[in-house]
C-alpha atoms as a PDB file:
ATOM      1  CA  PHE A   1     144.207-152.584  92.334  1.00  0.00           C
ATOM      2  CA  ASP A   2     143.674-155.839  94.217  1.00  0.00           C
ATOM      3  CA  ARG A   3     140.512-157.760  93.451  1.00  0.00           C
ATOM      4  CA  ASN A   4     141.025-160.024  96.514  1.00  0.00           C
ATOM      5  CA  GLU A   5     140.954-157.063  98.894  1.00  0.00           C
ATOM      6  CA  MET A   6     137.632-155.892  97.454  1.00  0.00           C
ATOM      7  CA  ALA A   7     136.141-159.339  97.803  1.00  0.00           C
ATOM      8  CA  GLU A   8     137.110-159.505 101.486  1.00  0.00           C
ATOM      9  CA  GLU A   9     135.275-156.228 102.348  1.00  0.00           C
ATOM     10  CA  PRO A  10     131.852-156.978 103.925  1.00  0.00           C
ATOM     11  CA  ARG A  11     128.754-155.685 102.105  1.00  0.00           C
ATOM     12  CA  GLU A  12     126.324-153.363 103.850  1.00  0.00           C
ATOM     13  CA  LYS A  13     122.959-154.927 104.504  1.00  0.00           C
ATOM     14  CA  ARG A  14     119.873-153.072 103.124  1.00  0.00           C
ATOM     15  CA  GLU A  15     117.378-152.096 105.712  1.00  0.00           C
ATOM     16  CA  ARG A  16     113.971-153.632 105.254  1.00  0.00           C
ATOM     17  CA  LYS A  17     111.029-151.213 105.423  1.00  0.00           C
ATOM     18  CA  ALA A  18     108.204-152.127 107.675  1.00  0.00           C
ATOM     19  CA  THR A  19     105.072-153.263 105.915  1.00  0.00           C
ATOM     20  CA  VAL A  20     102.269-150.690 106.186  1.00  0.00           C
ATOM     21  CA  GLU A  21      98.821-152.122 106.018  1.00  0.00           C
ATOM     22  CA  VAL A  22      96.321-149.892 104.140  1.00  0.00           C
ATOM     23  CA  TYR A  23      92.674-150.127 104.999  1.00  0.00           C
ATOM     24  CA  SER A  24      90.127-148.581 102.581  1.00  0.00           C
ATOM     25  CA  VAL A  25      87.118-147.020 104.268  1.00  0.00           C
ATOM     26  CA  ALA A  26      83.969-147.863 102.410  1.00  0.00           C
ATOM     27  CA  SER A  27      82.152-144.724 101.229  1.00  0.00           C
ATOM     28  CA  PRO A  28      78.595-144.424 102.495  1.00  0.00           C
ATOM     29  CA  THR A  29      76.094-145.574  99.922  1.00  0.00           C
ATOM     30  CA  LYS A  30      73.946-142.778  98.525  1.00  0.00           C
ATOM     31  CA  LYS A  31      70.351-143.086  99.550  1.00  0.00           C
ATOM     32  CA  GLU A  32      68.178-143.887  96.570  1.00  0.00           C
ATOM     33  CA  PHE A  33      65.429-141.351  95.807  1.00  0.00           C
ATOM     34  CA  VAL A  34      62.059-143.034  96.169  1.00  0.00           C
ATOM     35  CA  ILE A  35      58.721-141.391  95.416  1.00  0.00           C
ATOM     36  CA  PRO A  36      56.278-142.505  98.105  1.00  0.00           C
ATOM     37  CA  GLU A  37      52.761-143.609  97.260  1.00  0.00           C
ATOM     38  CA  GLY A  38      50.155-141.054  98.227  1.00  0.00           C
ATOM     39  CA  ALA A  39      46.392-141.155  98.682  1.00  0.00           C
ATOM     40  CA  GLY A  40      45.567-139.018  95.648  1.00  0.00           C
ATOM     41  CA  THR A  41      45.887-138.926  91.857  1.00  0.00           C
ATOM     42  CA  LYS A  42      49.291-138.610  90.219  1.00  0.00           C
ATOM     43  CA  VAL A  43      49.975-135.048  89.052  1.00  0.00           C
ATOM     44  CA  GLY A  44      50.657-136.244  85.519  1.00  0.00           C
ATOM     45  CA  ASP A  45      47.132-137.699  85.360  1.00  0.00           C
ATOM     46  CA  ILE A  46      45.442-134.405  86.281  1.00  0.00           C
ATOM     47  CA  PRO A  47      44.997-132.594  82.909  1.00  0.00           C
ATOM     48  CA  ASN A  48      44.942-128.990  84.106  1.00  0.00           C
ATOM     49  CA  VAL A  49      47.925-129.406  86.443  1.00  0.00           C
ATOM     50  CA  GLU A  50      49.862-131.223  83.719  1.00  0.00           C
ATOM     51  CA  PHE A  51      49.029-128.413  81.272  1.00  0.00           C
ATOM     52  CA  ALA A  52      50.167-125.713  83.741  1.00  0.00           C
ATOM     53  CA  LEU A  53      53.340-127.665  84.581  1.00  0.00           C
ATOM     54  CA  GLY A  54      54.266-127.854  80.891  1.00  0.00           C
ATOM     55  CA  LYS A  55      54.500-124.057  80.703  1.00  0.00           C
ATOM     56  CA  PHE A  56      57.487-123.972  83.089  1.00  0.00           C
ATOM     57  CA  ARG A  57      61.126-124.509  82.154  1.00  0.00           C
ATOM     58  CA  SER A  58      62.851-127.379  83.920  1.00  0.00           C
ATOM     59  CA  ASP A  59      65.356-124.998  85.541  1.00  0.00           C
ATOM     60  CA  ASP A  60      62.694-122.635  86.876  1.00  0.00           C
ATOM     61  CA  GLU A  61      63.235-121.725  90.544  1.00  0.00           C
ATOM     62  CA  PHE A  62      59.529-122.109  91.263  1.00  0.00           C
ATOM     63  CA  LEU A  63      59.656-125.803  90.309  1.00  0.00           C
ATOM     64  CA  LYS A  64      62.449-126.277  92.859  1.00  0.00           C
ATOM     65  CA  THR A  65      60.083-124.880  95.493  1.00  0.00           C
ATOM     66  CA  VAL A  66      57.347-127.288  94.378  1.00  0.00           C
ATOM     67  CA  HIS A  67      59.769-130.262  94.441  1.00  0.00           C
ATOM     68  CA  ARG A  68      61.012-129.296  97.912  1.00  0.00           C
ATOM     69  CA  LEU A  69      57.424-128.999  99.105  1.00  0.00           C
ATOM     70  CA  MET A  70      56.607-132.471  97.832  1.00  0.00           C
ATOM     71  CA  PHE A  71      59.837-134.375  98.514  1.00  0.00           C
ATOM     72  CA  GLY A  72      62.020-132.218 100.784  1.00  0.00           C
ATOM     73  CA  THR A  73      64.750-131.644  98.165  1.00  0.00           C
ATOM     74  CA  PRO A  74      65.112-129.080  95.333  1.00  0.00           C
ATOM     75  CA  GLY A  75      65.575-131.816  92.734  1.00  0.00           C
ATOM     76  CA  LYS A  76      67.676-131.884  89.564  1.00  0.00           C
ATOM     77  CA  ALA A  77      66.553-130.005  86.465  1.00  0.00           C
ATOM     78  CA  THR A  78      66.834-133.160  84.344  1.00  0.00           C
ATOM     79  CA  ILE A  79      64.263-135.110  86.351  1.00  0.00           C
ATOM     80  CA  ILE A  80      62.360-132.447  88.317  1.00  0.00           C
ATOM     81  CA  LYS A  81      59.244-132.532  86.131  1.00  0.00           C
ATOM     82  CA  LYS A  82      59.259-136.322  86.010  1.00  0.00           C
ATOM     83  CA  ASN A  83      59.244-136.478  89.811  1.00  0.00           C
ATOM     84  CA  ILE A  84      56.489-133.859  90.159  1.00  0.00           C
ATOM     85  CA  ARG A  85      54.323-135.739  87.647  1.00  0.00           C
ATOM     86  CA  ALA A  86      54.745-138.940  89.727  1.00  0.00           C
ATOM     87  CA  PHE A  87      53.701-137.242  92.987  1.00  0.00           C
ATOM     88  CA  SER A  88      50.387-138.560  94.312  1.00  0.00           C
ATOM     89  CA  GLY A  89      50.346-137.037  97.795  1.00  0.00           C
ATOM     90  CA  LEU A  90      52.377-136.675 100.978  1.00  0.00           C
ATOM     91  CA  PRO A  91      52.712-139.870 103.028  1.00  0.00           C
ATOM     92  CA  GLN A  92      50.091-139.501 105.739  1.00  0.00           C
ATOM     93  CA  ASP A  93      52.098-141.481 108.291  1.00  0.00           C
ATOM     94  CA  ASP A  94      55.236-139.353 107.803  1.00  0.00           C
ATOM     95  CA  GLU A  95      54.983-136.508 110.307  1.00  0.00           C
ATOM     96  CA  LYS A  96      58.353-135.122 109.200  1.00  0.00           C
ATOM     97  CA  ALA A  97      57.187-134.663 105.585  1.00  0.00           C
ATOM     98  CA  THR A  98      53.811-133.164 106.522  1.00  0.00           C
ATOM     99  CA  GLY A  99      55.355-130.861 109.127  1.00  0.00           C
ATOM    100  CA  ARG A 100      57.972-129.676 106.631  1.00  0.00           C
ATOM    101  CA  ALA A 101      55.261-128.849 104.059  1.00  0.00           C
ATOM    102  CA  GLU A 102      53.168-126.937 106.619  1.00  0.00           C
ATOM    103  CA  ASP A 103      56.210-124.941 107.739  1.00  0.00           C
ATOM    104  CA  MET A 104      57.154-124.061 104.155  1.00  0.00           C
ATOM    105  CA  LEU A 105      53.639-122.836 103.388  1.00  0.00           C
ATOM    106  CA  LYS A 106      53.579-120.661 106.529  1.00  0.00           C
ATOM    107  CA  ARG A 107      56.901-119.056 105.566  1.00  0.00           C
ATOM    108  CA  ALA A 108      55.942-118.590 101.892  1.00  0.00           C
ATOM    109  CA  PHE A 109      55.008-115.190 100.481  1.00  0.00           C
ATOM    110  CA  ASN A 110      51.498-114.562  99.210  1.00  0.00           C
ATOM    111  CA  ALA A 111      52.764-114.386  95.588  1.00  0.00           C
ATOM    112  CA  THR A 112      54.248-117.906  95.920  1.00  0.00           C
ATOM    113  CA  LEU A 113      50.975-119.219  97.380  1.00  0.00           C
ATOM    114  CA  ASN A 114      49.096-117.770  94.397  1.00  0.00           C
ATOM    115  CA  GLN A 115      51.505-119.506  92.019  1.00  0.00           C
ATOM    116  CA  LEU A 116      50.940-122.815  93.801  1.00  0.00           C
ATOM    117  CA  LEU A 117      47.162-122.348  93.670  1.00  0.00           C
ATOM    118  CA  ASP A 118      47.334-121.663  89.933  1.00  0.00           C
ATOM    119  CA  LEU A 119      49.566-124.678  89.314  1.00  0.00           C
ATOM    120  CA  PHE A 120      47.320-127.024  91.301  1.00  0.00           C
ATOM    121  CA  ASP A 121      44.192-125.563  89.601  1.00  0.00           C
ATOM    122  CA  LEU A 122      42.819-124.254  92.887  1.00  0.00           C
ATOM    123  CA  PRO A 123      40.911-120.960  93.363  1.00  0.00           C
ATOM    124  CA  ARG A 124      42.754-118.009  94.872  1.00  0.00           C
ATOM    125  CA  GLY A 125      39.606-117.084  96.754  1.00  0.00           C
ATOM    126  CA  SER A 126      38.179-113.787  97.944  1.00  0.00           C
ATOM    127  CA  GLY A 127      37.115-112.424 101.297  1.00  0.00           C
ATOM    128  CA  GLU A 128      37.834-114.937 104.047  1.00  0.00           C
ATOM    129  CA  GLU A 129      38.904-117.550 101.470  1.00  0.00           C
ATOM    130  CA  GLY A 130      41.421-115.080 100.047  1.00  0.00           C
ATOM    131  CA  LYS A 131      43.339-114.747 103.312  1.00  0.00           C
ATOM    132  CA  LYS A 132      46.794-116.309 103.641  1.00  0.00           C
ATOM    133  CA  GLU A 133      45.743-118.954 106.186  1.00  0.00           C
ATOM    134  CA  ALA A 134      42.882-120.148 103.956  1.00  0.00           C
ATOM    135  CA  LYS A 135      45.232-120.392 100.957  1.00  0.00           C
ATOM    136  CA  GLU A 136      47.757-122.392 102.992  1.00  0.00           C
ATOM    137  CA  LYS A 137      45.033-124.842 104.058  1.00  0.00           C
ATOM    138  CA  ARG A 138      43.766-125.368 100.476  1.00  0.00           C
ATOM    139  CA  ILE A 139      47.277-126.089  99.219  1.00  0.00           C
ATOM    140  CA  PHE A 140      48.136-128.415 102.125  1.00  0.00           C
ATOM    141  CA  ASP A 141      44.880-130.375 101.711  1.00  0.00           C
ATOM    142  CA  TRP A 142      45.641-130.791  98.013  1.00  0.00           C
ATOM    143  CA  LEU A 143      49.196-131.945  98.771  1.00  0.00           C
ATOM    144  CA  MET A 144      47.812-134.596 101.087  1.00  0.00           C
ATOM    145  CA  LYS A 145      45.457-135.847  98.356  1.00  0.00           C
ATOM    146  CA  PRO A 146      45.891-134.383  94.847  1.00  0.00           C
ATOM    147  CA  THR A 147      42.607-134.405  92.901  1.00  0.00           C
ATOM    148  CA  GLN A 148      41.163-132.869  89.763  1.00  0.00           C
ATOM    149  CA  SER A 149      39.356-129.581  90.477  1.00  0.00           C
ATOM    150  CA  GLY A 150      36.501-130.082  88.027  1.00  0.00           C
ATOM    151  CA  ASN A 151      37.219-126.867  86.139  1.00  0.00           C
ATOM    152  CA  LYS A 152      37.103-126.827  82.345  1.00  0.00           C
ATOM    153  CA  ASN A 153      39.971-128.526  80.551  1.00  0.00           C
ATOM    154  CA  LEU A 154      42.559-125.785  80.017  1.00  0.00           C
ATOM    155  CA  LYS A 155      44.403-127.650  77.263  1.00  0.00           C
ATOM    156  CA  GLU A 156      41.236-128.173  75.223  1.00  0.00           C
ATOM    157  CA  ALA A 157      40.202-124.539  75.809  1.00  0.00           C
ATOM    158  CA  ALA A 158      43.619-123.303  74.629  1.00  0.00           C
ATOM    159  CA  GLU A 159      43.450-125.511  71.513  1.00  0.00           C
ATOM    160  CA  ALA A 160      39.921-124.272  70.723  1.00  0.00           C
ATOM    161  CA  LYS A 161      41.115-120.682  71.122  1.00  0.00           C
ATOM    162  CA  ARG A 162      44.042-121.291  68.750  1.00  0.00           C
ATOM    163  CA  GLU A 163      41.726-122.892  66.174  1.00  0.00           C
ATOM    164  CA  LYS A 164      39.297-119.979  66.417  1.00  0.00           C
ATOM    165  CA  ALA A 165      42.134-117.463  65.948  1.00  0.00           C
ATOM    166  CA  ALA A 166      43.462-119.432  62.952  1.00  0.00           C
ATOM    167  CA  LYS A 167      40.007-119.472  61.308  1.00  0.00           C
ATOM    168  CA  LYS A 168      39.677-115.741  61.862  1.00  0.00           C
ATOM    169  CA  ARG A 169      43.087-115.128  60.257  1.00  0.00           C
ATOM    170  CA  ASP A 170      42.040-117.256  57.260  1.00  0.00           C
ATOM    171  CA  ARG A 171      38.765-115.304  56.881  1.00  0.00           C
ATOM    172  CA  VAL A 172      40.553-111.953  57.020  1.00  0.00           C
ATOM    173  CA  ALA A 173      43.172-113.133  54.507  1.00  0.00           C
ATOM    174  CA  ALA A 174      40.429-114.381  52.138  1.00  0.00           C
ATOM    175  CA  LYS A 175      38.575-111.044  52.355  1.00  0.00           C
ATOM    176  CA  LYS A 176      41.785-109.110  51.633  1.00  0.00           C
ATOM    177  CA  GLU A 177      42.563-111.358  48.658  1.00  0.00           C
ATOM    178  CA  LYS A 178      39.016-110.955  47.282  1.00  0.00           C
ATOM    179  CA  ALA A 179      39.164-107.157  47.636  1.00  0.00           C
ATOM    180  CA  ALA A 180      42.577-107.033  45.965  1.00  0.00           C
ATOM    181  CA  SER A 181      41.374-109.133  43.004  1.00  0.00           C
ATOM    182  CA  LYS A 182      38.291-106.904  42.668  1.00  0.00           C
ATOM    183  CA  ARG A 183      40.450-103.774  42.587  1.00  0.00           C
ATOM    184  CA  ALA A 184      42.687-105.397  39.991  1.00  0.00           C
ATOM    185  CA  LYS A 185      39.680-106.156  37.747  1.00  0.00           C
ATOM    186  CA  VAL A 186      38.453-102.544  37.977  1.00  0.00           C
ATOM    187  CA  SER A 187      41.854-100.977  37.271  1.00  0.00           C
ATOM    188  CA  THR A 188      42.857-103.409  34.521  1.00  0.00           C
ATOM    189  CA  GLY A 189      39.585-103.940  32.669  1.00  0.00           C
ATOM    190  CA  LYS A 190      39.569-105.725  29.349  1.00  0.00           C
ATOM    191  CA  LEU A 191      40.480-103.351  26.482  1.00  0.00           C
ATOM    192  CA  PRO A 192      38.186-103.267  23.416  1.00  0.00           C
ATOM    193  CA  ASP A 193      39.347-104.885  20.186  1.00  0.00           C
ATOM    194  CA  ASP A 194      36.804-103.298  17.812  1.00  0.00           C
ATOM    195  CA  VAL A 195      37.793-100.057  16.014  1.00  0.00           C
ATOM    196  CA  LYS A 196      34.509 -98.339  16.817  1.00  0.00           C
ATOM    197  CA  ALA A 197      34.702 -99.325  20.446  1.00  0.00           C
ATOM    198  CA  ILE A 198      38.278 -98.047  20.701  1.00  0.00           C
ATOM    199  CA  LYS A 199      37.294 -94.698  19.115  1.00  0.00           C
ATOM    200  CA  ALA A 200      34.273 -94.400  21.409  1.00  0.00           C
ATOM    201  CA  GLU A 201      36.420 -95.017  24.483  1.00  0.00           C
ATOM    202  CA  LEU A 202      39.010 -92.478  23.309  1.00  0.00           C
ATOM    203  CA  ASN A 203      36.257 -89.886  22.712  1.00  0.00           C
ATOM    204  CA  ALA A 204      34.891 -90.528  26.172  1.00  0.00           C
ATOM    205  CA  LEU A 205      38.363 -90.078  27.671  1.00  0.00           C
ATOM    206  CA  ALA A 206      38.851 -86.840  25.681  1.00  0.00           C
ATOM    207  CA  ALA A 207      35.522 -85.485  26.896  1.00  0.00           C
ATOM    208  CA  ARG A 208      36.374 -86.355  30.454  1.00  0.00           C
ATOM    209  CA  GLN A 209      39.773 -84.699  30.111  1.00  0.00           C
ATOM    210  CA  ALA A 210      38.164 -81.501  28.744  1.00  0.00           C
ATOM    211  CA  ALA A 211      35.685 -81.416  31.629  1.00  0.00           C
ATOM    212  CA  LEU A 212      38.471 -81.869  34.124  1.00  0.00           C
ATOM    213  CA  LEU A 213      40.499 -79.031  32.547  1.00  0.00           C
ATOM    214  CA  LYS A 214      37.505 -76.667  32.826  1.00  0.00           C
ATOM    215  CA  LYS A 215      37.071 -77.572  36.469  1.00  0.00           C
ATOM    216  CA  LEU A 216      40.771 -76.973  37.025  1.00  0.00           C
ATOM    217  CA  GLU A 217      40.574 -73.474  35.465  1.00  0.00           C
ATOM    218  CA  LYS A 218      37.561 -72.592  37.621  1.00  0.00           C
ATOM    219  CA  ALA A 219      39.325 -73.858  40.719  1.00  0.00           C
ATOM    220  CA  ILE A 220      42.386 -71.740  39.924  1.00  0.00           C
ATOM    221  CA  GLU A 221      40.259 -68.618  39.265  1.00  0.00           C
ATOM    222  CA  GLY A 222      38.320 -69.148  42.464  1.00  0.00           C
ATOM    223  CA  GLY A 223      41.543 -69.430  44.432  1.00  0.00           C
ATOM    224  CA  ALA A 224      42.915 -66.237  42.845  1.00  0.00           C
ATOM    225  CA  LYS A 225      39.716 -64.312  43.695  1.00  0.00           C
ATOM    226  CA  LYS A 226      39.855 -65.482  47.284  1.00  0.00           C
ATOM    227  CA  LYS A 227      43.452 -64.289  47.545  1.00  0.00           C
ATOM    228  CA  ALA A 228      42.656 -60.910  45.875  1.00  0.00           C
ATOM    229  CA  ALA A 229      39.678 -60.130  48.122  1.00  0.00           C
ATOM    230  CA  PRO A 230      41.739 -59.402  51.274  1.00  0.00           C
ATOM    231  CA  LYS A 231      44.060 -57.126  49.265  1.00  0.00           C
ATOM    232  CA  LYS A 232      41.127 -55.031  47.949  1.00  0.00           C
ATOM    233  CA  LYS A 233      39.693 -54.742  51.399  1.00  0.00           C
ATOM    234  CA  ALA A 234      43.030 -53.563  52.769  1.00  0.00           C
ATOM    235  CA  ALA A 235      43.370 -50.969  49.950  1.00  0.00           C
ATOM    236  CA  ALA A 236      39.855 -49.620  50.653  1.00  0.00           C
ATOM    237  CA  GLU A 237      40.697 -49.300  54.330  1.00  0.00           C
ATOM    238  CA  ASP A 238      43.905 -47.417  53.468  1.00  0.00           C
ATOM    239  CA  SER A 239      41.999 -44.947  51.225  1.00  0.00           C
ATOM    240  CA  GLU A 240      39.431 -44.356  53.961  1.00  0.00           C
ATOM    241  CA  ASP A 241      42.216 -43.638  56.426  1.00  0.00           C
ATOM    242  CA  GLU A 242      43.786 -41.126  54.018  1.00  0.00           C
ATOM    243  CA  GLU A 243      40.466 -39.327  53.519  1.00  0.00           C
ATOM    244  CA  ALA A 244      39.917 -39.149  57.249  1.00  0.00           C
ATOM    245  CA  SER A 245      43.384 -37.707  57.791  1.00  0.00           C
ATOM    246  CA  ASP A 246      42.775 -35.056  55.072  1.00  0.00           C
ATOM    247  CA  GLU A 247      39.524 -34.029  56.723  1.00  0.00           C
ATOM    248  CA  GLU A 248      41.287 -33.746  60.072  1.00  0.00           C
ATOM    249  CA  GLU A 249      43.958 -31.502  58.527  1.00  0.00           C
ATOM    250  CA  GLU A 250      41.298 -29.217  56.947  1.00  0.00           C
ATOM    251  CA  GLU A 251      39.493 -28.930  60.288  1.00  0.00           C
ATOM    252  CA  GLU A 252      42.744 -27.992  62.015  1.00  0.00           C
ATOM    253  CA  GLU A 253      43.441 -25.240  59.403  1.00  0.00           C
ATOM    254  CA  VAL A 254      39.930 -23.765  59.826  1.00  0.00           C
ATOM    255  CA  ALA A 255      40.353 -23.782  63.596  1.00  0.00           C
ATOM    256  CA  GLU A 256      43.666 -21.928  63.322  1.00  0.00           C
ATOM    257  CA  GLU A 257      42.147 -19.243  61.059  1.00  0.00           C
ATOM    258  CA  GLU A 258      39.264 -18.719  63.499  1.00  0.00           C
ATOM    259  CA  ASP A 259      41.701 -18.345  66.414  1.00  0.00           C
ATOM    260  CA  ALA A 260      43.681 -15.758  64.462  1.00  0.00           C
ATOM    261  CA  GLU A 261      40.540 -13.707  63.697  1.00  0.00           C
ATOM    262  CA  GLU A 262      39.510 -13.765  67.376  1.00  0.00           C
ATOM    263  CA  GLU A 263      42.928 -12.485  68.447  1.00  0.00           C
ATOM    264  CA  ALA A 264      42.798  -9.651  65.890  1.00  0.00           C
ATOM    265  CA  ALA A 265      39.284  -8.490  66.889  1.00  0.00           C
ATOM    266  CA  PRO A 266      40.111  -6.980  70.383  1.00  0.00           C
ATOM    267  CA  SER A 267      43.074  -5.057  69.024  1.00  0.00           C
ATOM    268  CA  GLN A 268      40.819  -3.261  66.460  1.00  0.00           C
ATOM    269  CA  LYS A 269      38.344  -2.209  69.206  1.00  0.00           C
ATOM    270  CA  GLU A 270      41.081  -0.601  71.351  1.00  0.00           C
ATOM    271  CA  GLU A 271      42.189   1.826  68.562  1.00  0.00           C
ATOM    272  CA  PRO A 272      40.985   5.496  69.113  1.00  0.00           C
ATOM    273  CA  PRO A 273      38.327   6.917  66.730  1.00  0.00           C
END
């Protein structure tokens, strides 16, 4: 093995790789959700609408419809109610938003329109006002400028109803308790301590017991008589039937004897003298 020979051999040159330039494409920035200012009152400041909104779950499909009607998107469950409460009307200079709302209302079923009317505290109407076109117009006008309807405060009415029901429950419970205590006093009256009073009460109980026993005996006798009466009646009917059958037999025997005598009579006349 010669080290000099190895040293004389030329080394292979390493190929250099071409430099590849990498360009990163900037991702489009997500458009920030902005609630436009409307011409009406914010939904959260309208008591009856706020009260009705509170009855829905955040993931309710109907709220997605309401959010899409107001903002054009279904909205996220975590912030959907917050956005609806901040809505104060469709932007009047945005034809795209107003046109979208009108188109949605035209395509909506009557049941959905009724839900929207109830949420916005608007009347469902009757007659001409109860037709689909009239309902669509009422909802669209409200969306352009949300306002309080002037109806009674539903939250206060619900609280008053709950208080009234609670008072009624308390009254009923108090009456039941009073009646129960009264029954307890009657059934567990105070026992006498005096000897004479004890004897008098025992005598009264004995007399009452004797009277009750007499009534019991009479009741038993009366029941026995009632049971015996049908049997006697049936026996009498049986005896009458037997007598009738005996009479019929006697009549048959007499009839037979008479027939026999009639048959014998012609034969005696035909004999020579």
